[in-house]
Amino acid sequence: MVQRPPELIYSVDEKPAPVPLFLLGVQHIFLIIISLILPVMVVKTIGGSDTEAMFMVSMGMLAAGICTCLQAYGKKGIGCGYLCPSLCGPSYISSSVLAAQAGGLHLLYGMTVIAGIFETFLSRLITRLRFMFPSEVTGTVVCFVAIAVMPIVFPKFLGIHEQTGVLDPLSLGLSILTLVLIIGLNVYSKGKAKLYCVLIGMIFGYIISFLTGILDYSHIEQILNAPILGFPDASHFGLSFDITLAAPFLIAMVCVTLKSVGDITTCQRINDLSWKRPDMKNIRDGIFVDGLGDIISGLLGTYGQSTSSGNIGLSIGTGATSRYIGYSIGAILIVLACFPKLAMIFVIMPDPVMAAAILYSMSFMLITGLNIISSRMMDVRRTFVVGLSFFMGLSVLMPGLYIGIPSALEPIFSSTLSMATLTVIILHLVLRIGIKETATLVVERQSNIAESIFYFMKVQGGVWGARPDVITHATSAIHQCVEMICMLNRDLKEVDVKVIFDEFNLDADISYLGSEIPLAEKRPSEEEIAEDESTLPELAGFMIRRLADKVSTTQKEETAHVLIHYDH
């Protein structure tokens, strides 16, 4: 059963009033608009016109608006049902540039459709691939979602000029002031100030930008010169395909899929205080819409879509995770796609303001990723999986390290997220070879029963990557059971403990030579325990029942079995 986190102001199924719903939607639009620089970069790379760039931007907003609404829907296998907005996916930048350079924008659109078709197909298989997405994998991906934007964000935050590389103190000052205001409102205020902290901070940033000259009359002219209404130009539509570009687009698609797995897992976790494991059916429905978003993008004539980690981070920070905000975001994006004059207000956003908002939201994503990793027990194998993946992902930030990489592999080696994602998957699949799903322990009567069981379960829990709470409860239940067996069978020399684990279940089969032990359903009273020590086995049996999800006993000839089960 879903348990509502107390820190949320609007949880997933709570609908804010119309005005807060609109303002919360606007707040998210600021972050989504930032991603629209990606299609502009692609057009500029091939020397395209401003008209082509504006067309891709408008269609990008339209595609993002449709996909955000579909994700929020979350019914009949369509969407995850969370506030999980879509935007132009940074993982597609390298493959999109390759396609545009090889065959123009129509080839980019066609290959984006192909990537979308494959992702929708992959979504149908995702529930069978749960073993590929343990917590160390999804948590690492979520962490690198935040890390991947740092090379883009920090130069803007520090006010470093792209051409000269000189730091601008004025821009840096504005970045710091905006970030301090956003954090201050979030940490030290409650209610509406906390809810709209990013929106307030960005409005403040715009005002200071105009007062200090970071934004000037030329920016106002851009708004005034933009048309009030804008409709798609049919001449920009078109699709073409090239089989040689399938590899880079499929590599990018896999990275986008795994990023979305991490994003949707984050949505599940922040909306359920009792969250234990990813809901793969829900993830399947979200990935399906993610792929559908790429198909829609290609058909509309724009850049590929993916879920927005920054917006999820913003929802964590503000405590507003209502899926109805997704409908508000989608509606605003669709309107902006048809009203260029309104869209231009967001397009001229000052870099320092943009950077401050991203740093704020990505801070939450980084910590969420670390929490997901730590939600399972870590052993040496998992430590290597996470540690080496972090090192490989961060290696991409070293200038010139991967010069000369074949163009087909550039989507991997040009992105910290792509590199870390593929590394963590490969390491996970390789290092899980040889892990036994069954482990046995022979507990001798004369041994330190508590110590041997504790050490055995701790080691196996780390090897399997089990949840700490399940291992703790299972350790206590097995200990209670073995102690009771030894108490009732004075001549018994040893007890066999066999533990079986998979991602969904943990089962313990405790066998011994003797008769079945009693498993009391009612706890003996304090008076009964004080007056008659023979009630102690009843107390132990009652405790075993309380510690386990299911428990039963069987007798096979002279051997008795106690079967203890946990959902995982």
Protein backbone atom coordinates (compact mmCIF):
# COMPACT_ATOMS: atom_id res chain seq x y z
CA MET A 1 0.00 0.00 0.00
CA VAL A 2 1.30 3.47 -0.93
CA GLN A 3 2.17 5.61 2.10
CA ARG A 4 2.12 9.37 1.58
CA PRO A 5 5.39 11.10 2.56
CA PRO A 6 4.63 13.85 5.11
CA GLU A 7 6.93 16.40 3.45
CA LEU A 8 4.81 16.54 0.29
CA ILE A 9 2.50 19.54 -0.12
CA TYR A 10 0.73 17.99 -3.12
CA SER A 11 1.17 14.21 -3.51
CA VAL A 12 0.77 12.30 -6.76
CA ASP A 13 -3.05 12.10 -6.86
CA GLU A 14 -3.85 15.41 -5.14
CA LYS A 15 -5.13 18.13 -7.46
CA PRO A 16 -4.04 21.70 -6.66
CA ALA A 17 -6.46 24.59 -7.18
CA PRO A 18 -6.37 26.22 -10.67
CA VAL A 19 -4.05 29.13 -9.79
CA PRO A 20 -1.40 27.04 -7.96
CA LEU A 21 -1.70 24.42 -10.69
CA PHE A 22 -0.89 27.03 -13.35
CA LEU A 23 1.96 28.62 -11.38
CA LEU A 24 3.54 25.26 -10.59
CA GLY A 25 3.32 24.41 -14.29
CA VAL A 26 5.02 27.68 -15.24
CA GLN A 27 7.78 26.98 -12.72
CA HIS A 28 8.56 23.69 -14.45
CA ILE A 29 8.45 25.29 -17.91
CA PHE A 30 11.61 27.27 -17.10
CA LEU A 31 13.62 24.07 -16.78
CA ILE A 32 12.09 22.38 -19.82
CA ILE A 33 12.76 25.37 -22.07
CA ILE A 34 16.48 25.08 -21.31
CA SER A 35 16.64 21.77 -23.22
CA LEU A 36 15.44 23.50 -26.40
CA ILE A 37 18.97 24.73 -26.96
CA LEU A 38 19.79 21.19 -28.15
CA PRO A 39 17.78 21.25 -31.42
CA VAL A 40 19.11 24.77 -32.05
CA MET A 41 22.68 23.42 -31.66
CA VAL A 42 21.95 20.66 -34.19
CA VAL A 43 20.61 23.13 -36.74
CA LYS A 44 23.58 25.47 -36.25
CA THR A 45 26.01 22.55 -36.66
CA ILE A 46 24.83 22.01 -40.26
CA GLY A 47 24.45 25.71 -41.04
CA GLY A 48 20.65 25.62 -41.00
CA SER A 49 18.45 28.70 -41.02
CA ASP A 50 16.83 30.48 -38.07
CA THR A 51 13.46 29.44 -39.48
CA GLU A 52 14.43 25.75 -39.29
CA ALA A 53 15.70 26.22 -35.74
CA MET A 54 12.50 27.97 -34.63
CA PHE A 55 10.41 25.24 -36.26
CA MET A 56 12.29 22.52 -34.35
CA VAL A 57 11.93 24.47 -31.12
CA SER A 58 8.16 24.88 -31.60
CA MET A 59 7.70 21.22 -32.49
CA GLY A 60 9.93 20.26 -29.55
CA MET A 61 7.59 22.10 -27.18
CA LEU A 62 4.56 20.46 -28.82
CA ALA A 63 6.08 16.95 -28.54
CA ALA A 64 7.16 17.56 -24.93
CA GLY A 65 3.68 18.81 -24.04
CA ILE A 66 1.97 15.74 -25.51
CA CYS A 67 4.39 13.30 -23.84
CA THR A 68 4.18 15.01 -20.44
CA CYS A 69 0.39 14.65 -20.49
CA LEU A 70 0.64 11.00 -21.53
CA GLN A 71 3.11 10.24 -18.71
CA ALA A 72 0.77 11.85 -16.18
CA TYR A 73 -2.19 9.83 -17.49
CA GLY A 74 -0.89 6.49 -16.20
CA LYS A 75 -3.81 4.30 -17.25
CA LYS A 76 -4.39 1.44 -19.70
CA GLY A 77 -0.65 0.87 -20.10
CA ILE A 78 0.01 4.47 -21.16
CA GLY A 79 2.36 6.49 -18.95
CA CYS A 80 3.74 6.01 -15.46
CA GLY A 81 1.08 8.18 -13.79
CA TYR A 82 3.59 10.49 -12.11
CA LEU A 83 4.80 14.05 -12.58
CA CYS A 84 7.54 13.02 -15.01
CA PRO A 85 7.84 15.74 -17.69
CA SER A 86 9.47 15.22 -21.08
CA LEU A 87 12.03 17.39 -22.84
CA CYS A 88 14.66 17.23 -25.57
CA GLY A 89 16.97 14.43 -24.40
CA PRO A 90 20.69 15.31 -24.07
CA SER A 91 21.61 11.65 -24.75
CA TYR A 92 20.55 12.10 -28.39
CA ILE A 93 22.83 15.07 -29.15
CA SER A 94 25.78 13.14 -30.68
CA SER A 95 23.68 10.80 -32.82
CA SER A 96 21.41 13.67 -33.92
CA VAL A 97 24.39 15.74 -35.09
CA LEU A 98 25.75 12.71 -37.00
CA ALA A 99 22.40 12.23 -38.75
CA ALA A 100 21.98 15.91 -39.58
CA GLN A 101 25.49 16.10 -41.03
CA ALA A 102 25.05 12.89 -43.04
CA GLY A 103 21.63 13.57 -44.55
CA GLY A 104 20.07 16.74 -43.22
CA LEU A 105 17.22 17.23 -40.78
CA HIS A 106 14.91 14.77 -42.52
CA LEU A 107 17.38 11.98 -41.75
CA LEU A 108 17.49 13.13 -38.13
CA TYR A 109 13.69 12.94 -37.96
CA GLY A 110 13.58 9.48 -39.56
CA MET A 111 16.23 7.98 -37.28
CA THR A 112 14.50 9.49 -34.23
CA VAL A 113 11.35 7.59 -35.25
CA ILE A 114 13.40 4.38 -35.56
CA ALA A 115 14.84 4.90 -32.05
CA GLY A 116 11.31 5.44 -30.73
CA ILE A 117 10.00 2.25 -32.33
CA PHE A 118 12.80 0.22 -30.74
CA GLU A 119 12.21 1.84 -27.34
CA THR A 120 8.48 1.04 -27.39
CA PHE A 121 9.41 -2.56 -28.29
CA LEU A 122 11.96 -2.66 -25.46
CA SER A 123 9.32 -1.41 -23.03
CA ARG A 124 7.32 -4.60 -23.59
CA LEU A 125 10.31 -6.65 -22.39
CA ILE A 126 11.30 -4.48 -19.43
CA THR A 127 9.43 -6.52 -16.80
CA ARG A 128 11.42 -9.61 -17.79
CA LEU A 129 14.69 -7.70 -17.48
CA ARG A 130 14.31 -6.70 -13.85
CA PHE A 131 17.57 -8.50 -13.00
CA MET A 132 19.35 -5.83 -15.08
CA PHE A 133 18.06 -2.97 -12.93
CA PRO A 134 19.03 -3.59 -9.29
CA SER A 135 19.43 -0.61 -7.02
CA GLU A 136 23.14 -0.13 -7.71
CA VAL A 137 22.42 0.20 -11.45
CA THR A 138 19.40 2.53 -11.27
CA GLY A 139 20.98 4.57 -8.46
CA THR A 140 24.20 5.08 -10.44
CA VAL A 141 22.22 6.19 -13.49
CA VAL A 142 20.22 8.68 -11.39
CA CYS A 143 23.46 10.09 -9.92
CA PHE A 144 24.96 10.59 -13.36
CA VAL A 145 21.82 12.28 -14.60
CA ALA A 146 22.87 15.06 -12.22
CA ILE A 147 26.61 14.82 -12.90
CA ALA A 148 26.13 14.86 -16.70
CA VAL A 149 24.78 18.42 -16.74
CA MET A 150 27.62 19.90 -14.70
CA PRO A 151 30.00 20.59 -17.65
CA ILE A 152 27.24 22.65 -19.25
CA VAL A 153 25.91 24.32 -16.12
CA PHE A 154 29.04 25.37 -14.24
CA PRO A 155 30.50 27.63 -16.96
CA LYS A 156 27.13 29.41 -17.07
CA PHE A 157 26.94 29.58 -13.27
CA LEU A 158 30.45 31.04 -13.04
CA GLY A 159 29.73 33.48 -15.85
CA ILE A 160 32.56 32.22 -18.08
CA HIS A 161 32.32 33.66 -21.60
CA GLU A 162 32.15 30.93 -24.28
CA GLN A 163 34.62 32.61 -26.66
CA THR A 164 37.10 34.32 -24.34
CA GLY A 165 36.92 32.00 -21.32
CA VAL A 166 36.93 35.07 -19.05
CA LEU A 167 34.87 35.02 -15.86
CA ASP A 168 32.18 37.71 -15.58
CA PRO A 169 31.80 38.81 -11.92
CA LEU A 170 28.37 40.31 -12.63
CA SER A 171 26.98 37.02 -14.00
CA LEU A 172 28.57 35.06 -11.16
CA GLY A 173 27.01 37.43 -8.63
CA LEU A 174 23.58 36.99 -10.20
CA SER A 175 23.97 33.19 -10.18
CA ILE A 176 24.86 33.17 -6.49
CA LEU A 177 22.08 35.58 -5.52
CA THR A 178 19.47 33.57 -7.44
CA LEU A 179 20.62 30.25 -5.98
CA VAL A 180 20.80 31.67 -2.43
CA LEU A 181 17.25 33.04 -2.77
CA ILE A 182 15.87 29.73 -4.09
CA ILE A 183 17.59 27.69 -1.36
CA GLY A 184 16.66 30.20 1.35
CA LEU A 185 12.98 30.12 0.42
CA ASN A 186 13.04 26.32 0.26
CA VAL A 187 14.85 25.77 3.57
CA TYR A 188 13.58 28.60 5.78
CA SER A 189 10.03 29.19 4.53
CA LYS A 190 6.84 27.20 4.40
CA GLY A 191 3.69 27.15 2.29
CA LYS A 192 3.58 29.15 -0.92
CA ALA A 193 7.08 30.62 -0.66
CA LYS A 194 8.56 27.11 -0.49
CA LEU A 195 6.19 25.84 -3.17
CA TYR A 196 7.14 28.58 -5.67
CA CYS A 197 10.77 29.07 -4.60
CA VAL A 198 12.19 28.47 -8.10
CA LEU A 199 9.59 30.66 -9.80
CA ILE A 200 10.26 33.50 -7.32
CA GLY A 201 14.00 33.07 -7.71
CA MET A 202 13.81 33.19 -11.50
CA ILE A 203 11.56 36.26 -11.55
CA PHE A 204 14.09 37.93 -9.24
CA GLY A 205 16.85 36.87 -11.65
CA TYR A 206 15.04 38.38 -14.64
CA ILE A 207 14.53 41.69 -12.81
CA ILE A 208 18.18 41.95 -11.71
CA SER A 209 19.28 40.99 -15.23
CA PHE A 210 17.42 43.94 -16.72
CA LEU A 211 18.65 46.31 -14.02
CA THR A 212 22.29 45.30 -14.51
CA GLY A 213 22.22 45.09 -18.34
CA ILE A 214 22.62 41.32 -18.65
CA LEU A 215 19.28 41.53 -20.45
CA ASP A 216 18.83 44.68 -22.55
CA TYR A 217 16.50 46.22 -25.10
CA SER A 218 17.68 43.80 -27.80
CA HIS A 219 16.13 40.97 -25.82
CA ILE A 220 12.89 42.89 -25.51
CA GLU A 221 13.00 43.40 -29.29
CA GLN A 222 13.24 39.62 -29.74
CA ILE A 223 9.97 39.28 -27.86
CA LEU A 224 8.31 42.13 -29.74
CA ASN A 225 9.46 40.89 -33.15
CA ALA A 226 8.28 37.32 -32.61
CA PRO A 227 4.89 36.56 -34.22
CA ILE A 228 1.89 36.25 -31.95
CA LEU A 229 0.71 33.07 -33.64
CA GLY A 230 2.84 30.44 -35.33
CA PHE A 231 1.74 27.33 -37.22
CA PRO A 232 3.83 24.45 -38.58
CA ASP A 233 5.30 24.94 -42.05
CA ALA A 234 4.62 21.77 -44.05
CA SER A 235 7.85 22.23 -46.02
CA HIS A 236 9.90 21.30 -42.93
CA PHE A 237 8.31 17.87 -42.54
CA GLY A 238 9.94 14.77 -44.00
CA LEU A 239 11.56 11.48 -43.11
CA SER A 240 14.55 9.58 -44.46
CA PHE A 241 16.55 6.64 -43.14
CA ASP A 242 20.12 5.31 -43.16
CA ILE A 243 20.94 1.86 -41.75
CA THR A 244 24.51 2.92 -40.96
CA LEU A 245 23.18 5.35 -38.35
CA ALA A 246 21.14 2.70 -36.54
CA ALA A 247 23.97 1.85 -34.11
CA PRO A 248 24.52 5.35 -32.65
CA PHE A 249 20.78 5.96 -32.32
CA LEU A 250 20.19 2.59 -30.64
CA ILE A 251 23.07 3.21 -28.24
CA ALA A 252 21.58 6.60 -27.38
CA MET A 253 18.13 4.97 -27.03
CA VAL A 254 19.45 2.42 -24.51
CA CYS A 255 20.97 5.26 -22.46
CA VAL A 256 17.69 7.20 -22.63
CA THR A 257 15.75 4.10 -21.55
CA LEU A 258 17.97 3.46 -18.54
CA LYS A 259 17.85 7.13 -17.58
CA SER A 260 14.05 6.93 -17.72
CA VAL A 261 14.11 3.77 -15.59
CA GLY A 262 16.04 5.79 -13.00
CA ASP A 263 13.72 8.80 -13.31
CA ILE A 264 10.54 6.75 -12.91
CA THR A 265 12.08 4.79 -10.03
CA THR A 266 12.80 8.16 -8.40
CA CYS A 267 9.15 9.19 -8.91
CA GLN A 268 8.00 5.98 -7.26
CA ARG A 269 10.36 6.45 -4.33
CA ILE A 270 9.52 10.09 -3.57
CA ASN A 271 5.77 9.42 -3.66
CA ASP A 272 5.77 6.39 -1.35
CA LEU A 273 7.27 6.49 2.14
CA SER A 274 7.12 2.67 2.26
CA TRP A 275 8.86 2.21 -1.13
CA LYS A 276 10.90 -0.99 -1.26
CA ARG A 277 11.58 -1.88 -4.88
CA PRO A 278 10.94 -0.55 -8.43
CA ASP A 279 7.49 -1.32 -9.85
CA MET A 280 8.54 -2.74 -13.22
CA LYS A 281 5.02 -2.72 -14.69
CA ASN A 282 4.76 0.99 -13.96
CA ILE A 283 8.23 1.53 -15.44
CA ARG A 284 7.19 -0.46 -18.53
CA ASP A 285 4.26 1.90 -19.13
CA GLY A 286 6.48 4.95 -18.65
CA ILE A 287 9.15 3.66 -21.05
CA PHE A 288 6.42 2.98 -23.62
CA VAL A 289 5.44 6.67 -23.60
CA ASP A 290 9.13 7.62 -23.70
CA GLY A 291 9.48 5.67 -26.96
CA LEU A 292 6.19 7.07 -28.22
CA GLY A 293 7.63 10.53 -27.57
CA ASP A 294 10.50 9.85 -29.99
CA ILE A 295 8.07 8.63 -32.65
CA ILE A 296 5.93 11.76 -32.17
CA SER A 297 9.03 13.97 -32.28
CA GLY A 298 10.27 12.47 -35.55
CA LEU A 299 6.86 12.72 -37.19
CA LEU A 300 6.43 16.34 -36.05
CA GLY A 301 9.93 17.22 -37.21
CA THR A 302 12.00 17.76 -34.09
CA TYR A 303 14.61 16.33 -31.74
CA GLY A 304 14.13 13.16 -29.60
CA GLN A 305 12.44 13.28 -26.20
CA SER A 306 13.28 11.79 -22.80
CA THR A 307 12.07 12.16 -19.23
CA SER A 308 13.31 15.24 -17.37
CA SER A 309 15.41 14.55 -14.28
CA GLY A 310 15.69 18.25 -13.50
CA ASN A 311 11.94 18.63 -13.23
CA ILE A 312 11.70 15.57 -10.98
CA GLY A 313 14.37 17.16 -8.78
CA LEU A 314 12.32 20.37 -8.72
CA SER A 315 9.22 18.44 -7.63
CA ILE A 316 11.23 16.88 -4.78
CA GLY A 317 12.53 20.26 -3.66
CA THR A 318 9.14 22.00 -3.69
CA GLY A 319 7.16 19.07 -2.31
CA ALA A 320 4.69 19.21 -5.22
CA THR A 321 4.61 15.88 -7.07
CA SER A 322 0.98 15.89 -8.22
CA ARG A 323 0.56 14.30 -11.64
CA TYR A 324 -2.03 17.00 -12.41
CA ILE A 325 0.88 19.46 -12.61
CA GLY A 326 1.97 17.33 -15.59
CA TYR A 327 -1.27 18.22 -17.37
CA SER A 328 -0.65 21.91 -16.60
CA ILE A 329 2.91 21.68 -17.97
CA GLY A 330 1.71 19.87 -21.09
CA ALA A 331 -1.03 22.42 -21.79
CA ILE A 332 1.36 25.37 -21.34
CA LEU A 333 3.94 23.80 -23.68
CA ILE A 334 1.33 23.16 -26.37
CA VAL A 335 0.15 26.77 -26.12
CA LEU A 336 3.73 28.08 -26.27
CA ALA A 337 4.35 25.99 -29.40
CA CYS A 338 1.62 28.00 -31.14
CA PHE A 339 2.49 31.40 -29.61
CA PRO A 340 6.15 32.25 -30.35
CA LYS A 341 5.89 35.64 -28.63
CA LEU A 342 5.12 33.96 -25.31
CA ALA A 343 7.77 31.29 -25.86
CA MET A 344 10.41 33.96 -26.44
CA ILE A 345 10.05 35.12 -22.81
CA PHE A 346 11.50 31.80 -21.75
CA VAL A 347 13.99 31.60 -24.62
CA ILE A 348 15.81 34.79 -23.51
CA MET A 349 16.32 33.39 -19.99
CA PRO A 350 19.67 34.67 -18.61
CA ASP A 351 22.36 31.98 -18.30
CA PRO A 352 23.08 32.68 -14.59
CA VAL A 353 19.39 32.26 -13.71
CA MET A 354 19.19 29.08 -15.76
CA ALA A 355 22.30 27.62 -14.10
CA ALA A 356 21.09 28.41 -10.56
CA ALA A 357 17.78 26.62 -11.15
CA ILE A 358 19.47 23.54 -12.62
CA LEU A 359 22.01 23.29 -9.77
CA TYR A 360 19.15 23.47 -7.28
CA SER A 361 17.13 20.66 -8.88
CA MET A 362 20.13 18.44 -9.67
CA SER A 363 21.20 18.49 -6.02
CA PHE A 364 18.06 16.53 -5.17
CA MET A 365 18.63 14.08 -8.01
CA LEU A 366 22.18 13.33 -6.88
CA ILE A 367 21.11 12.59 -3.30
CA THR A 368 18.16 10.51 -4.51
CA GLY A 369 20.53 8.40 -6.61
CA LEU A 370 22.81 7.81 -3.63
CA ASN A 371 19.81 6.84 -1.51
CA ILE A 372 18.69 4.32 -4.13
CA ILE A 373 22.19 2.77 -4.21
CA SER A 374 22.27 2.51 -0.41
CA SER A 375 18.77 0.97 -0.22
CA ARG A 376 20.40 -2.45 -0.77
CA MET A 377 23.26 -4.12 1.11
CA MET A 378 26.66 -3.60 -0.52
CA ASP A 379 29.39 -6.22 -0.82
CA VAL A 380 32.76 -6.11 -2.62
CA ARG A 381 31.16 -7.01 -5.96
CA ARG A 382 28.60 -4.22 -5.79
CA THR A 383 31.26 -1.81 -4.56
CA PHE A 384 33.28 -2.47 -7.72
CA VAL A 385 30.17 -2.14 -9.91
CA VAL A 386 29.35 1.30 -8.51
CA GLY A 387 32.89 2.57 -7.95
CA LEU A 388 34.31 1.66 -11.37
CA SER A 389 31.20 2.99 -13.10
CA PHE A 390 31.67 6.34 -11.34
CA PHE A 391 35.33 6.47 -12.39
CA MET A 392 34.55 5.59 -16.02
CA GLY A 393 31.71 8.09 -16.19
CA LEU A 394 33.83 10.89 -14.73
CA SER A 395 36.71 10.05 -17.11
CA VAL A 396 34.71 11.61 -19.95
CA LEU A 397 35.24 14.99 -18.28
CA MET A 398 39.00 14.75 -18.89
CA PRO A 399 39.80 16.82 -22.00
CA GLY A 400 41.10 14.92 -25.02
CA LEU A 401 41.04 11.49 -23.35
CA TYR A 402 38.85 9.84 -25.98
CA ILE A 403 39.99 11.65 -29.13
CA GLY A 404 39.95 9.34 -32.15
CA ILE A 405 36.97 7.25 -31.04
CA PRO A 406 34.95 5.96 -34.08
CA SER A 407 31.98 8.20 -34.87
CA ALA A 408 29.51 5.35 -34.26
CA LEU A 409 30.71 5.16 -30.63
CA GLU A 410 30.73 8.90 -29.98
CA PRO A 411 27.32 8.80 -28.20
CA ILE A 412 28.99 6.68 -25.51
CA PHE A 413 32.34 8.41 -25.11
CA SER A 414 31.03 11.95 -25.35
CA SER A 415 28.64 11.68 -22.41
CA THR A 416 29.34 10.93 -18.76
CA LEU A 417 25.80 9.55 -18.46
CA SER A 418 26.18 7.19 -21.42
CA MET A 419 29.61 5.97 -20.31
CA ALA A 420 28.53 5.37 -16.70
CA THR A 421 25.27 3.71 -17.77
CA LEU A 422 26.84 1.17 -20.12
CA THR A 423 29.71 0.52 -17.70
CA VAL A 424 27.42 -0.19 -14.74
CA ILE A 425 25.26 -2.55 -16.82
CA ILE A 426 28.23 -4.49 -18.22
CA LEU A 427 29.92 -4.76 -14.81
CA HIS A 428 26.67 -5.85 -13.17
CA LEU A 429 26.05 -8.60 -15.74
CA VAL A 430 29.66 -9.85 -15.67
CA LEU A 431 30.18 -9.78 -11.90
CA ARG A 432 26.87 -11.46 -11.13
CA ILE A 433 28.16 -14.61 -12.85
CA GLY A 434 28.74 -17.31 -10.27
CA ILE A 435 26.44 -15.88 -7.63
CA LYS A 436 24.45 -18.74 -6.11
CA GLU A 437 20.81 -18.14 -5.33
CA THR A 438 20.96 -20.76 -2.56
CA ALA A 439 23.24 -20.67 0.47
CA THR A 440 23.45 -23.18 3.32
CA LEU A 441 24.68 -23.01 6.91
CA VAL A 442 25.10 -25.85 9.39
CA VAL A 443 24.54 -24.47 12.90
CA GLU A 444 26.16 -26.65 15.56
CA ARG A 445 24.53 -26.72 18.97
CA GLN A 446 27.79 -25.95 20.79
CA SER A 447 28.65 -22.96 18.58
CA ASN A 448 27.77 -19.31 19.10
CA ILE A 449 24.41 -19.59 17.35
CA ALA A 450 23.63 -15.85 17.22
CA GLU A 451 27.06 -14.88 15.86
CA SER A 452 27.20 -17.58 13.17
CA ILE A 453 23.70 -16.77 11.87
CA PHE A 454 24.34 -13.01 11.92
CA TYR A 455 27.62 -13.31 9.98
CA PHE A 456 26.12 -15.77 7.47
CA MET A 457 23.11 -13.56 6.71
CA LYS A 458 25.19 -10.37 6.56
CA VAL A 459 27.58 -11.87 3.99
CA GLN A 460 24.80 -13.39 1.88
CA GLY A 461 22.71 -10.23 2.06
CA GLY A 462 25.61 -8.26 0.61
CA VAL A 463 26.27 -10.83 -2.13
CA TRP A 464 22.63 -10.83 -3.16
CA GLY A 465 22.12 -7.09 -2.71
CA ALA A 466 19.12 -7.72 -0.48
CA ARG A 467 17.24 -5.01 1.38
CA PRO A 468 18.77 -4.43 4.84
CA ASP A 469 15.39 -4.56 6.60
CA VAL A 470 14.56 -7.97 5.10
CA ILE A 471 17.96 -9.39 6.11
CA THR A 472 17.57 -7.97 9.63
CA HIS A 473 14.11 -9.53 10.09
CA ALA A 474 15.20 -12.85 8.53
CA THR A 475 18.30 -13.00 10.76
CA SER A 476 16.20 -12.47 13.89
CA ALA A 477 13.57 -15.02 12.82
CA ILE A 478 16.16 -17.70 11.95
CA HIS A 479 17.99 -17.07 15.23
CA GLN A 480 14.76 -17.36 17.25
CA CYS A 481 13.82 -20.52 15.37
CA VAL A 482 17.17 -22.28 15.83
CA GLU A 483 17.29 -21.38 19.53
CA MET A 484 13.78 -22.77 20.03
CA ILE A 485 14.62 -25.96 18.13
CA CYS A 486 17.68 -26.52 20.32
CA MET A 487 15.64 -25.77 23.46
CA LEU A 488 12.97 -28.37 22.56
CA ASN A 489 15.40 -31.01 21.29
CA ARG A 490 18.06 -31.53 23.98
CA ASP A 491 19.92 -34.30 22.11
CA LEU A 492 20.09 -32.41 18.78
CA LYS A 493 23.64 -31.76 17.55
CA GLU A 494 23.05 -29.47 14.54
CA VAL A 495 20.45 -27.57 12.52
CA ASP A 496 20.62 -27.04 8.75
CA VAL A 497 19.69 -23.60 7.41
CA LYS A 498 19.13 -23.19 3.66
CA VAL A 499 18.36 -19.67 2.37
CA ILE A 500 17.06 -19.10 -1.17
CA PHE A 501 16.95 -15.63 -2.75
CA ASP A 502 15.75 -13.91 -5.91
CA GLU A 503 14.78 -10.31 -6.59
CA PHE A 504 11.22 -10.97 -5.43
CA ASN A 505 11.54 -13.46 -2.53
CA LEU A 506 13.78 -14.58 0.32
CA ASP A 507 13.02 -18.02 1.77
CA ALA A 508 14.66 -19.89 4.65
CA ASP A 509 14.28 -23.66 5.04
CA ILE A 510 15.40 -24.72 8.55
CA SER A 511 15.60 -28.52 8.90
CA TYR A 512 16.55 -30.80 11.80
CA LEU A 513 15.98 -34.30 13.19
CA GLY A 514 13.02 -34.00 15.54
CA SER A 515 9.38 -33.09 15.74
CA GLU A 516 7.61 -29.94 14.50
CA ILE A 517 7.95 -26.88 16.72
CA PRO A 518 4.85 -24.93 17.87
CA LEU A 519 4.22 -21.56 16.21
CA ALA A 520 1.88 -19.74 18.57
CA GLU A 521 -0.52 -17.24 17.02
CA LYS A 522 -1.09 -15.50 20.38
CA ARG A 523 1.61 -14.02 22.60
CA PRO A 524 1.72 -15.51 26.11
CA SER A 525 1.16 -12.93 28.83
CA GLU A 526 3.90 -11.64 31.14
CA GLU A 527 2.33 -13.53 34.04
CA GLU A 528 2.33 -16.81 32.08
CA ILE A 529 5.99 -16.38 31.13
CA ALA A 530 6.97 -15.55 34.74
CA GLU A 531 5.07 -18.52 36.22
CA ASP A 532 5.96 -21.16 33.64
CA GLU A 533 9.21 -21.18 31.63
CA SER A 534 7.74 -23.78 29.27
CA THR A 535 5.83 -20.92 27.64
CA LEU A 536 9.12 -19.49 26.29
CA PRO A 537 8.92 -21.62 23.09
CA GLU A 538 5.42 -20.22 22.55
CA LEU A 539 6.85 -16.70 22.83
CA ALA A 540 9.62 -17.59 20.37
CA GLY A 541 7.07 -19.09 17.95
CA PHE A 542 4.94 -15.96 18.21
CA MET A 543 7.99 -13.74 17.52
CA ILE A 544 8.89 -15.81 14.42
CA ARG A 545 5.37 -15.27 13.08
CA ARG A 546 5.68 -11.52 13.72
CA LEU A 547 9.09 -11.28 12.03
CA ALA A 548 8.13 -13.21 8.86
CA ASP A 549 5.70 -12.51 6.03
CA LYS A 550 4.77 -16.22 6.01
CA VAL A 551 5.87 -19.16 8.15
CA SER A 552 4.90 -22.84 8.20
CA THR A 553 6.17 -26.20 9.46
CA THR A 554 6.26 -29.64 7.82
CA GLN A 555 7.35 -33.11 8.92
CA LYS A 556 8.97 -35.62 6.51
CA GLU A 557 9.62 -38.89 8.38
CA GLU A 558 12.18 -37.99 11.09
CA THR A 559 13.10 -34.60 9.62
CA ALA A 560 11.13 -31.47 10.48
CA HIS A 561 11.20 -28.25 8.44
CA VAL A 562 10.40 -24.65 9.32
CA LEU A 563 9.75 -22.56 6.21
CA ILE A 564 10.10 -18.79 6.59
CA HIS A 565 9.19 -16.49 3.67
CA TYR A 566 9.75 -12.77 2.93
CA ASP A 567 8.53 -10.69 0.03
CA HIS A 568 11.46 -8.74 -1.40
